[in-house]
Protein backbone atom coordinates (compact mmCIF):
# COMPACT_ATOMS: atom_id res chain seq x y z
CA UNK A 1 8.64 22.10 0.29
CA UNK A 2 11.22 22.52 3.06
CA UNK A 3 11.36 19.19 5.11
CA UNK A 4 11.04 20.23 8.75
CA UNK A 5 10.48 16.33 10.12
CA UNK A 6 13.07 14.56 11.77
CA UNK A 7 13.13 10.95 12.73
CA UNK A 8 11.00 10.51 16.21
CA UNK A 9 11.46 7.74 18.39
CA UNK A 10 8.94 5.56 16.71
CA UNK A 11 10.37 5.62 13.14
CA UNK A 12 13.72 4.99 14.28
CA UNK A 13 12.47 1.87 15.74
CA UNK A 14 10.66 1.08 12.57
CA UNK A 15 13.60 1.82 10.92
CA UNK A 16 15.67 -0.53 13.02
CA UNK A 17 13.26 -3.01 12.46
CA UNK A 18 13.76 -3.16 8.45
CA UNK A 19 16.98 -2.78 6.39
CA UNK A 20 17.97 -0.46 3.25
CA UNK A 21 18.93 -2.22 -0.23
CA UNK A 22 20.08 -0.74 -3.81
CA UNK A 23 17.29 -0.41 -6.65
CA UNK A 24 19.08 0.84 -10.04
CA UNK A 25 21.36 3.01 -7.57
CA UNK A 26 18.54 4.23 -5.65
CA UNK A 27 18.36 3.73 -1.45
CA UNK A 28 15.14 1.79 -0.71
CA UNK A 29 13.93 0.42 2.47
CA UNK A 30 11.74 -2.27 2.98
CA UNK A 31 10.63 -4.49 6.36
CA UNK A 32 11.92 -8.19 5.52
CA UNK A 33 11.30 -11.06 8.33
CA UNK A 34 11.20 -14.74 8.29
CA UNK A 35 11.77 -17.47 5.83
CA UNK A 36 9.74 -19.47 3.75
CA UNK A 37 7.25 -18.48 0.66
CA UNK A 38 7.44 -14.96 0.28
CA UNK A 39 4.41 -12.37 0.92
CA UNK A 40 5.08 -9.20 -0.78
CA UNK A 41 2.90 -6.10 0.70
CA UNK A 42 2.42 -2.84 -1.09
CA UNK A 43 0.85 0.42 0.83
CA UNK A 44 -0.64 3.06 -0.74
CA UNK A 45 -0.98 6.82 0.24
CA UNK A 46 0.01 8.71 2.47
CA UNK A 47 1.27 5.73 4.03
CA UNK A 48 4.47 3.57 3.92
CA UNK A 49 5.97 0.13 4.71
CA UNK A 50 5.06 1.25 8.47
CA UNK A 51 1.54 0.28 8.03
CA UNK A 52 2.45 -3.50 7.27
CA UNK A 53 4.48 -3.05 10.77
CA UNK A 54 2.27 -5.66 12.59
CA UNK A 55 1.61 -8.03 9.90
CA UNK A 56 5.29 -8.39 8.65
CA UNK A 57 6.28 -10.19 11.97
CA UNK A 58 2.75 -12.28 12.43
CA UNK A 59 3.57 -13.38 8.93
CA UNK A 60 7.04 -14.54 9.84
CA UNK A 61 5.67 -16.28 12.81
CA UNK A 62 3.32 -18.43 10.43
CA UNK A 63 6.49 -19.45 8.48
CA UNK A 64 6.49 -17.22 5.84
CA UNK A 65 8.90 -14.09 4.68
CA UNK A 66 7.06 -11.09 4.97
CA UNK A 67 8.22 -7.98 2.70
CA UNK A 68 6.89 -4.61 2.85
CA UNK A 69 8.65 -2.31 0.49
CA UNK A 70 8.34 1.44 0.68
CA UNK A 71 7.67 2.90 -2.97
CA UNK A 72 10.41 5.79 -4.17
CA UNK A 73 8.88 9.17 -3.16
CA UNK A 74 7.33 7.71 0.09
CA UNK A 75 8.35 6.07 3.57
CA UNK A 76 12.28 6.04 4.06
CA UNK A 77 13.34 5.20 0.55
CA UNK A 78 14.77 7.97 -1.56
CA UNK A 79 12.75 10.34 -3.51
CA UNK A 80 14.15 11.13 -6.41
CA UNK A 81 13.34 14.30 -8.22
CA UNK A 82 13.51 12.82 -11.63
CA UNK A 83 11.33 9.84 -11.24
CA UNK A 84 7.79 10.18 -12.90
CA UNK A 85 5.92 8.47 -9.94
CA UNK A 86 3.44 6.92 -12.27
CA UNK A 87 1.57 3.60 -11.46
CA UNK A 88 3.62 1.58 -14.16
CA UNK A 89 6.79 3.09 -13.03
CA UNK A 90 6.40 2.11 -9.35
CA UNK A 91 4.86 -1.27 -10.47
CA UNK A 92 8.64 -1.96 -11.98
CA UNK A 93 10.47 -0.42 -9.02
CA UNK A 94 8.31 -2.93 -6.99
CA UNK A 95 9.39 -5.58 -9.79
CA UNK A 96 13.08 -4.43 -9.42
CA UNK A 97 12.82 -4.29 -5.79
CA UNK A 98 11.70 -7.98 -5.60
CA UNK A 99 14.29 -9.09 -7.50
CA UNK A 100 16.76 -7.37 -5.50
CA UNK A 101 15.22 -8.87 -2.35
CA UNK A 102 15.82 -12.50 -4.64
CA UNK A 103 11.91 -12.66 -4.10
CA UNK A 104 11.55 -15.02 -7.07
CA UNK A 105 8.08 -15.85 -6.81
CA UNK A 106 5.60 -14.01 -4.16
CA UNK A 107 2.32 -14.01 -2.60
CA UNK A 108 1.10 -9.99 -3.34
CA UNK A 109 -1.01 -8.10 -0.93
CA UNK A 110 -2.25 -4.69 -2.09
CA UNK A 111 -3.96 -1.72 -0.68
CA UNK A 112 -5.13 1.82 -1.66
CA UNK A 113 -2.55 2.97 -4.19
CA UNK A 114 -0.68 -0.32 -4.22
CA UNK A 115 -3.67 -2.02 -5.98
CA UNK A 116 -3.05 -0.47 -9.15
CA UNK A 117 0.42 -0.44 -8.97
CA UNK A 118 0.24 -3.93 -7.59
CA UNK A 119 -2.30 -4.94 -10.48
CA UNK A 120 0.40 -3.72 -12.69
CA UNK A 121 2.69 -5.43 -11.65
CA UNK A 122 0.84 -8.88 -11.46
CA UNK A 123 -0.14 -8.39 -14.97
CA UNK A 124 3.50 -7.68 -16.14
CA UNK A 125 5.15 -10.68 -14.01
CA UNK A 126 2.51 -13.02 -14.13
CA UNK A 127 5.17 -15.86 -13.91
CA UNK A 128 6.41 -14.74 -10.50
CA UNK A 129 2.70 -14.54 -8.89
CA UNK A 130 1.86 -16.87 -6.41
CA UNK A 131 -1.79 -15.27 -4.83
CA UNK A 132 -3.24 -11.71 -4.78
CA UNK A 133 -5.11 -10.27 -2.01
CA UNK A 134 -6.86 -7.43 -2.46
CA UNK A 135 -7.00 -4.61 0.49
CA UNK A 136 -9.61 -1.94 0.23
CA UNK A 137 -8.34 -0.49 -3.27
CA UNK A 138 -9.90 0.08 -6.97
CA UNK A 139 -9.31 -1.40 -10.26
CA UNK A 140 -11.25 0.71 -12.68
CA UNK A 141 -8.92 3.41 -12.88
CA UNK A 142 -10.78 5.00 -15.87
CA UNK A 143 -14.39 5.43 -13.44
CA UNK A 144 -12.43 6.10 -10.57
CA UNK A 145 -13.50 8.95 -8.28
CA UNK A 146 -11.08 10.14 -6.22
CA UNK A 147 -12.20 10.85 -2.40
CA UNK A 148 -12.80 14.19 -1.15
CA UNK A 149 -9.58 14.13 0.99
CA UNK A 150 -7.16 13.46 -1.89
CA UNK A 151 -9.07 15.69 -4.27
CA UNK A 152 -6.82 18.87 -3.37
CA UNK A 153 -3.50 17.24 -3.64
CA UNK A 154 -3.84 16.88 -7.34
CA UNK A 155 -4.09 20.50 -7.38
CA UNK A 156 -0.99 22.85 -7.84
CA UNK A 157 -0.61 25.34 -4.51
CA UNK A 158 -4.05 24.20 -3.40
CA UNK A 159 -2.31 20.59 -3.03
CA UNK A 160 0.86 22.27 -1.17
CA UNK A 161 -1.65 24.28 1.34
CA UNK A 162 -3.73 20.91 2.19
CA UNK A 163 -0.18 19.48 2.83
CA UNK A 164 1.03 22.04 4.73
CA UNK A 165 -1.97 21.77 6.84
CA UNK A 166 -1.92 18.22 7.45
CA UNK A 167 0.02 18.16 10.51
CA UNK A 168 -0.86 15.90 13.73
CA UNK A 169 -4.15 17.13 14.83
CA UNK A 170 -5.45 16.95 11.54
CA UNK A 171 -4.06 13.76 10.53
CA UNK A 172 -5.30 12.44 13.75
CA UNK A 173 -8.73 13.47 13.19
CA UNK A 174 -8.88 12.27 9.59
CA UNK A 175 -7.70 8.83 10.82
CA UNK A 176 -10.32 8.64 13.43
CA UNK A 177 -12.96 9.40 10.73
CA UNK A 178 -11.69 6.87 7.93
CA UNK A 179 -8.75 5.21 9.08
CA UNK A 180 -9.97 2.99 12.18
CA UNK A 181 -12.69 2.00 13.82
CA UNK A 182 -10.98 2.32 17.32
CA UNK A 183 -8.31 4.56 17.32
CA UNK A 184 -7.07 3.45 21.01
CA UNK A 185 -6.13 0.20 19.44
CA UNK A 186 -3.02 2.35 17.90
CA UNK A 187 -0.93 4.38 20.03
CA UNK A 188 -0.74 8.25 19.24
CA UNK A 189 2.72 8.08 18.13
CA UNK A 190 2.25 5.32 15.87
CA UNK A 191 -0.82 7.36 14.39
CA UNK A 192 1.10 10.67 13.89
CA UNK A 193 4.22 8.67 12.46
CA UNK A 194 2.56 8.42 9.20
CA UNK A 195 2.42 12.20 8.69
CA UNK A 196 6.18 12.25 9.92
CA UNK A 197 7.20 10.03 7.38
CA UNK A 198 5.66 11.23 4.95
CA UNK A 199 7.10 14.59 5.24
CA UNK A 200 10.73 13.15 5.93
CA UNK A 201 13.67 13.91 3.45
CA UNK A 202 11.44 16.73 1.08
CA UNK A 203 8.56 17.79 3.01
CA UNK A 204 6.13 15.71 0.92
CA UNK A 205 7.12 16.73 -2.65
CA UNK A 206 7.45 13.48 -4.10
CA UNK A 207 3.91 12.62 -2.35
CA UNK A 208 2.22 15.42 -4.34
CA UNK A 209 3.93 14.41 -7.69
CA UNK A 210 2.40 10.85 -7.32
CA UNK A 211 -1.05 12.37 -6.57
CA UNK A 212 -0.96 14.22 -9.69
CA UNK A 213 0.37 11.23 -12.04
CA UNK A 214 -2.94 9.10 -11.48
CA UNK A 215 -3.21 6.81 -14.35
CA UNK A 216 -6.76 6.84 -15.71
CA UNK A 217 -6.02 5.16 -19.59
CA UNK A 218 -8.32 2.40 -21.04
CA UNK A 219 -4.73 0.90 -21.47
CA UNK A 220 -4.16 0.77 -18.09
CA UNK A 221 -7.34 -0.25 -16.69
CA UNK A 222 -6.92 -3.47 -19.60
CA UNK A 223 -3.63 -4.23 -17.65
CA UNK A 224 -4.98 -4.18 -14.33
CA UNK A 225 -7.75 -6.43 -15.13
CA UNK A 226 -5.39 -8.63 -16.97
CA UNK A 227 -4.12 -9.24 -13.46
CA UNK A 228 -6.95 -10.94 -12.22
CA UNK A 229 -9.04 -12.30 -15.20
CA UNK A 230 -7.96 -15.77 -16.72
CA UNK A 231 -4.85 -16.14 -14.21
CA UNK A 232 -3.73 -19.15 -12.64
CA UNK A 233 -3.09 -17.80 -9.38
CA UNK A 234 -6.01 -17.45 -6.66
CA UNK A 235 -7.38 -13.68 -5.71
CA UNK A 236 -9.22 -12.80 -3.17
CA UNK A 237 -10.25 -9.57 -1.72
CA UNK A 238 -10.33 -8.65 2.48
CA UNK A 239 -12.22 -5.50 2.83
CA UNK A 240 -12.35 -2.81 6.18
CA UNK A 241 -15.94 -2.93 5.65
CA UNK A 242 -16.84 0.48 7.23
CA UNK A 243 -14.31 2.19 4.78
CA UNK A 244 -16.35 5.70 4.04
CA UNK A 245 -14.68 6.36 0.74
CA UNK A 246 -13.12 3.22 -0.94
CA UNK A 247 -16.64 1.49 0.33
CA UNK A 248 -17.50 -1.90 0.19
CA UNK A 249 -20.72 -1.50 -2.00
CA UNK A 250 -18.83 0.37 -5.10
CA UNK A 251 -15.20 -0.98 -4.73
CA UNK A 252 -15.35 -4.16 -3.14
CA UNK A 253 -18.24 -5.28 -5.50
CA UNK A 254 -16.12 -3.64 -8.21
CA UNK A 255 -13.17 -6.34 -7.61
CA UNK A 256 -15.65 -8.66 -7.06
CA UNK A 257 -17.09 -8.54 -10.55
CA UNK A 258 -14.05 -7.85 -12.15
CA UNK A 259 -12.14 -10.59 -10.55
CA UNK A 260 -15.16 -13.24 -10.82
CA UNK A 261 -15.17 -13.64 -6.76
CA UNK A 262 -17.10 -15.55 -5.18
CA UNK A 263 -17.20 -13.20 -1.87
CA UNK A 264 -15.40 -10.61 -0.35
CA UNK A 265 -14.17 -11.05 3.13
CA UNK A 266 -15.33 -8.55 5.40
CA UNK A 267 -13.32 -7.61 8.26
CA UNK A 268 -14.48 -4.55 11.03
CA UNK A 269 -12.38 -2.07 10.43
CA UNK A 270 -12.20 1.44 8.29
CA UNK A 271 -9.42 2.18 5.54
CA UNK A 272 -6.47 1.41 7.39
CA UNK A 273 -7.48 -2.13 8.10
CA UNK A 274 -3.81 -3.23 8.65
CA UNK A 275 -4.03 -0.99 11.73
CA UNK A 276 -6.66 -2.50 13.34
CA UNK A 277 -6.88 -5.79 12.37
CA UNK A 278 -3.36 -7.13 11.02
CA UNK A 279 -4.00 -10.90 12.49
CA UNK A 280 -7.42 -11.18 10.73
CA UNK A 281 -5.71 -10.41 7.46
CA UNK A 282 -2.80 -12.28 7.73
CA UNK A 283 -5.59 -15.28 8.81
CA UNK A 284 -6.81 -14.35 5.00
CA UNK A 285 -3.70 -14.67 3.30
CA UNK A 286 -2.52 -17.64 5.49
CA UNK A 287 -5.57 -19.71 4.68
CA UNK A 288 -5.16 -18.95 1.22
CA UNK A 289 -1.63 -19.91 0.70
CA UNK A 290 -3.06 -22.92 2.42
CA UNK A 291 -5.58 -23.71 0.00
CA UNK A 292 -3.41 -23.75 -2.85
CA UNK A 293 -0.51 -25.89 -1.64
């Protein structure tokens, strides 16, 4: 697909608030602010570190080093054509990015596709993980059923058509229906920026590769489960309770059962709870970290 998107003033402000760094010869982007124990935030689709733009400064204010990286193929990071865009490959990239940024140990915050990526990252690097905060995602990759808005992207031609249709008006409608309960708390230009960032550089080609490369094997499921079972670090779940697709009744209960959690913390929001309730999420992260000090 052709790239018809340019960096808007909103994206330029976002870019100026972060930094570029090299990972294995590939140019990558991250928000990185503050000092203290590191909190590494992993985004999902079709988003990027931009989703954490309000959480990172708040984490820094509370004495943490807040970091949100852009996965390869998304955000402002490069989109190499020869990258396989699998969950495992993105987990390895995330571990390499954390090492490059000097994060020796870190608390994880994971969301959406960043869930299975983050579980794999944690399972393969348990000595580096201090805690995991799970936001609206899934862990049983074998039995996961993609919500209907995700399904067209996995099919050639239909996915390209769906991506072309995904413009500011259609995205804003979807954002209002599944993203937040109150769109008035998010400026229009920030809602639009998610799609502008998605289609930078390659028009969204790498995004389509990722959407067609979900790992649903028993082997990967076991790897994900090993990130939250019989581990030395604490795990918690914080859920946008009005998410119409990754519902708390199905997916919140799933992580509660798999990780043997006492509860799932409820937040009054939908799928993009970082947009609407960043302070409440940071509160829960902060409380968890302080409980293990």
